[in-house]
C-alpha atoms as a PDB file:
ATOM      1  CA  MET A   1      56.452 -47.203 -29.739  1.00  0.00           C
ATOM      2  CA  SER A   2      54.513 -47.448 -33.122  1.00  0.00           C
ATOM      3  CA  ALA A   3      54.279 -49.490 -36.381  1.00  0.00           C
ATOM      4  CA  ARG A   4      56.126 -46.457 -38.028  1.00  0.00           C
ATOM      5  CA  GLU A   5      58.928 -46.429 -35.748  1.00  0.00           C
ATOM      6  CA  THR A   6      61.551 -49.110 -35.027  1.00  0.00           C
ATOM      7  CA  LYS A   7      64.487 -49.590 -32.266  1.00  0.00           C
ATOM      8  CA  VAL A   8      67.647 -50.150 -33.476  1.00  0.00           C
ATOM      9  CA  THR A   9      70.907 -50.690 -31.729  1.00  0.00           C
ATOM     10  CA  CYS A  10      74.051 -49.291 -33.585  1.00  0.00           C
ATOM     11  CA  PRO A  11      76.667 -52.105 -33.640  1.00  0.00           C
ATOM     12  CA  CYS A  12      79.804 -49.870 -33.520  1.00  0.00           C
ATOM     13  CA  CYS A  13      78.760 -47.957 -30.071  1.00  0.00           C
ATOM     14  CA  ASN A  14      75.972 -49.676 -28.921  1.00  0.00           C
ATOM     15  CA  SER A  15      73.811 -46.754 -28.630  1.00  0.00           C
ATOM     16  CA  HIS A  16      69.805 -47.087 -29.118  1.00  0.00           C
ATOM     17  CA  LEU A  17      67.992 -45.513 -32.267  1.00  0.00           C
ATOM     18  CA  ASP A  18      64.341 -44.892 -32.484  1.00  0.00           C
ATOM     19  CA  VAL A  19      63.901 -44.543 -36.496  1.00  0.00           C
ATOM     20  CA  ASP A  20      60.935 -43.575 -38.388  1.00  0.00           C
ATOM     21  CA  VAL A  21      60.306 -46.471 -40.823  1.00  0.00           C
ATOM     22  CA  ARG A  22      58.485 -44.114 -43.636  1.00  0.00           C
ATOM     23  CA  THR A  23      61.342 -41.404 -43.848  1.00  0.00           C
ATOM     24  CA  GLY A  24      64.058 -43.575 -42.575  1.00  0.00           C
ATOM     25  CA  THR A  25      64.934 -40.516 -40.113  1.00  0.00           C
ATOM     26  CA  VAL A  26      66.644 -41.059 -36.570  1.00  0.00           C
ATOM     27  CA  MET A  27      63.932 -39.588 -34.229  1.00  0.00           C
ATOM     28  CA  LYS A  28      65.734 -40.198 -31.010  1.00  0.00           C
ATOM     29  CA  TRP A  29      68.911 -41.849 -30.050  1.00  0.00           C
ATOM     30  CA  ARG A  30      70.706 -42.070 -26.662  1.00  0.00           C
ATOM     31  CA  ARG A  31      74.175 -43.571 -25.989  1.00  0.00           C
ATOM     32  CA  GLU A  32      74.442 -46.657 -24.124  1.00  0.00           C
ATOM     33  CA  THR A  33      75.735 -45.136 -21.052  1.00  0.00           C
ATOM     34  CA  GLU A  34      72.504 -42.775 -21.089  1.00  0.00           C
ATOM     35  CA  LEU A  35      70.394 -45.885 -20.441  1.00  0.00           C
ATOM     36  CA  ASP A  36      69.614 -47.093 -16.917  1.00  0.00           C
ATOM     37  CA  GLU A  37      69.657 -50.995 -15.864  1.00  0.00           C
ATOM     38  CA  THR A  38      66.215 -51.484 -16.909  1.00  0.00           C
ATOM     39  CA  GLY A  39      67.194 -49.974 -21.133  1.00  0.00           C
ATOM     40  CA  LYS A  40      65.168 -46.593 -20.324  1.00  0.00           C
ATOM     41  CA  PRO A  41      66.538 -43.373 -20.869  1.00  0.00           C
ATOM     42  CA  VAL A  42      67.872 -41.450 -18.138  1.00  0.00           C
ATOM     43  CA  VAL A  43      66.452 -37.916 -17.860  1.00  0.00           C
ATOM     44  CA  ARG A  44      68.274 -35.339 -16.341  1.00  0.00           C
ATOM     45  CA  GLU A  45      67.542 -31.649 -15.250  1.00  0.00           C
ATOM     46  CA  SER A  46      68.963 -30.154 -18.597  1.00  0.00           C
ATOM     47  CA  ASP A  47      66.631 -32.567 -20.530  1.00  0.00           C
ATOM     48  CA  TRP A  48      63.625 -31.124 -19.327  1.00  0.00           C
ATOM     49  CA  ASP A  49      64.975 -27.380 -19.475  1.00  0.00           C
ATOM     50  CA  ASP A  50      66.035 -28.311 -23.201  1.00  0.00           C
ATOM     51  CA  ALA A  51      62.551 -29.556 -24.054  1.00  0.00           C
ATOM     52  CA  ALA A  52      60.629 -26.648 -22.118  1.00  0.00           C
ATOM     53  CA  SER A  53      62.680 -24.039 -24.238  1.00  0.00           C
ATOM     54  CA  ARG A  54      61.722 -25.814 -27.565  1.00  0.00           C
ATOM     55  CA  VAL A  55      58.172 -25.715 -26.620  1.00  0.00           C
ATOM     56  CA  GLU A  56      58.239 -22.102 -25.680  1.00  0.00           C
ATOM     57  CA  SER A  57      60.069 -21.130 -29.077  1.00  0.00           C
ATOM     58  CA  ARG A  58      57.462 -23.300 -30.988  1.00  0.00           C
ATOM     59  CA  LEU A  59      54.559 -21.240 -29.092  1.00  0.00           C
ATOM     60  CA  SER A  60      56.149 -18.036 -30.064  1.00  0.00           C
ATOM     61  CA  THR A  61      56.673 -18.874 -33.712  1.00  0.00           C
ATOM     62  CA  ALA A  62      53.067 -20.262 -33.922  1.00  0.00           C
ATOM     63  CA  THR A  63      51.620 -17.011 -32.506  1.00  0.00           C
ATOM     64  CA  ASP A  64      53.951 -15.198 -35.358  1.00  0.00           C
ATOM     65  CA  LYS A  65      52.221 -17.308 -37.925  1.00  0.00           C
ATOM     66  CA  PHE A  66      48.929 -17.008 -36.772  1.00  0.00           C
ATOM     67  CA  ASP A  67      49.227 -13.224 -36.612  1.00  0.00           C
ATOM     68  CA  ALA A  68      50.789 -13.514 -40.133  1.00  0.00           C
ATOM     69  CA  GLY A  69      47.887 -15.668 -41.375  1.00  0.00           C
ATOM     70  CA  LEU A  70      45.011 -13.445 -39.919  1.00  0.00           C
ATOM     71  CA  SER A  71      47.025 -10.237 -41.507  1.00  0.00           C
ATOM     72  CA  ARG A  72      46.353 -11.937 -45.118  1.00  0.00           C
ATOM     73  CA  GLU A  73      42.813 -12.907 -44.256  1.00  0.00           C
ATOM     74  CA  GLN A  74      41.693  -9.475 -42.999  1.00  0.00           C
ATOM     75  CA  ASN A  75      43.380  -8.099 -46.612  1.00  0.00           C
ATOM     76  CA  ARG A  76      42.099 -10.975 -48.482  1.00  0.00           C
ATOM     77  CA  GLU A  77      38.951  -9.173 -49.756  1.00  0.00           C
ATOM     78  CA  GLN A  78      41.168  -6.180 -51.139  1.00  0.00           C
ATOM     79  CA  ALA A  79      43.456  -8.378 -52.916  1.00  0.00           C
ATOM     80  CA  LEU A  80      40.669 -10.200 -54.428  1.00  0.00           C
ATOM     81  CA  ASP A  81      39.329  -7.369 -55.826  1.00  0.00           C
ATOM     82  CA  ASP A  82      42.461  -5.874 -57.163  1.00  0.00           C
ATOM     83  CA  LEU A  83      43.080  -9.300 -58.951  1.00  0.00           C
ATOM     84  CA  PHE A  84      39.382  -8.936 -60.366  1.00  0.00           C
ATOM     85  CA  ARG A  85      40.017  -5.432 -61.510  1.00  0.00           C
ATOM     86  CA  LYS A  86      43.216  -6.368 -63.110  1.00  0.00           C
ATOM     87  CA  ALA A  87      41.500  -9.527 -65.138  1.00  0.00           C
ATOM     88  CA  ASN A  88      38.629  -7.062 -65.825  1.00  0.00           C
ATOM     89  CA  LYS A  89      41.083  -4.468 -67.248  1.00  0.00           C
ATOM     90  CA  LYS A  90      43.083  -7.109 -69.518  1.00  0.00           C
ATOM     91  CA  LEU A  91      39.500  -8.289 -70.832  1.00  0.00           C
ATOM     92  CA  GLU A  92      38.560  -4.972 -71.584  1.00  0.00           C
ATOM     93  CA  GLU A  93      41.993  -4.340 -73.398  1.00  0.00           C
ATOM     94  CA  ARG A  94      41.741  -7.734 -75.413  1.00  0.00           C
ATOM     95  CA  GLU A  95      38.184  -6.915 -76.843  1.00  0.00           C
ATOM     96  CA  GLY A  96      39.393  -3.370 -77.848  1.00  0.00           C
ATOM     97  CA  ASP A  97      42.196  -4.884 -79.998  1.00  0.00           C
END
């Protein structure tokens, strides 16, 4: 736990919460029954499967975002040339008036 997080126990249900101090958002939570006798979270096989699927989905979206950024960069020169031509045309029209 870092200085940006604090651990809180809910007075109603005794769930354990890890709260981000700066944003006030709950980062993690566990029910009291999901903790072992030492207070550490009980990790089940389904937890690992869920985490692995989230990582895989992040990797696929990261690849898509990278490809989109690469495409923008490859077309950037043409886009800047078009903007320059439009600005030059606009300047010529103003000078003509």
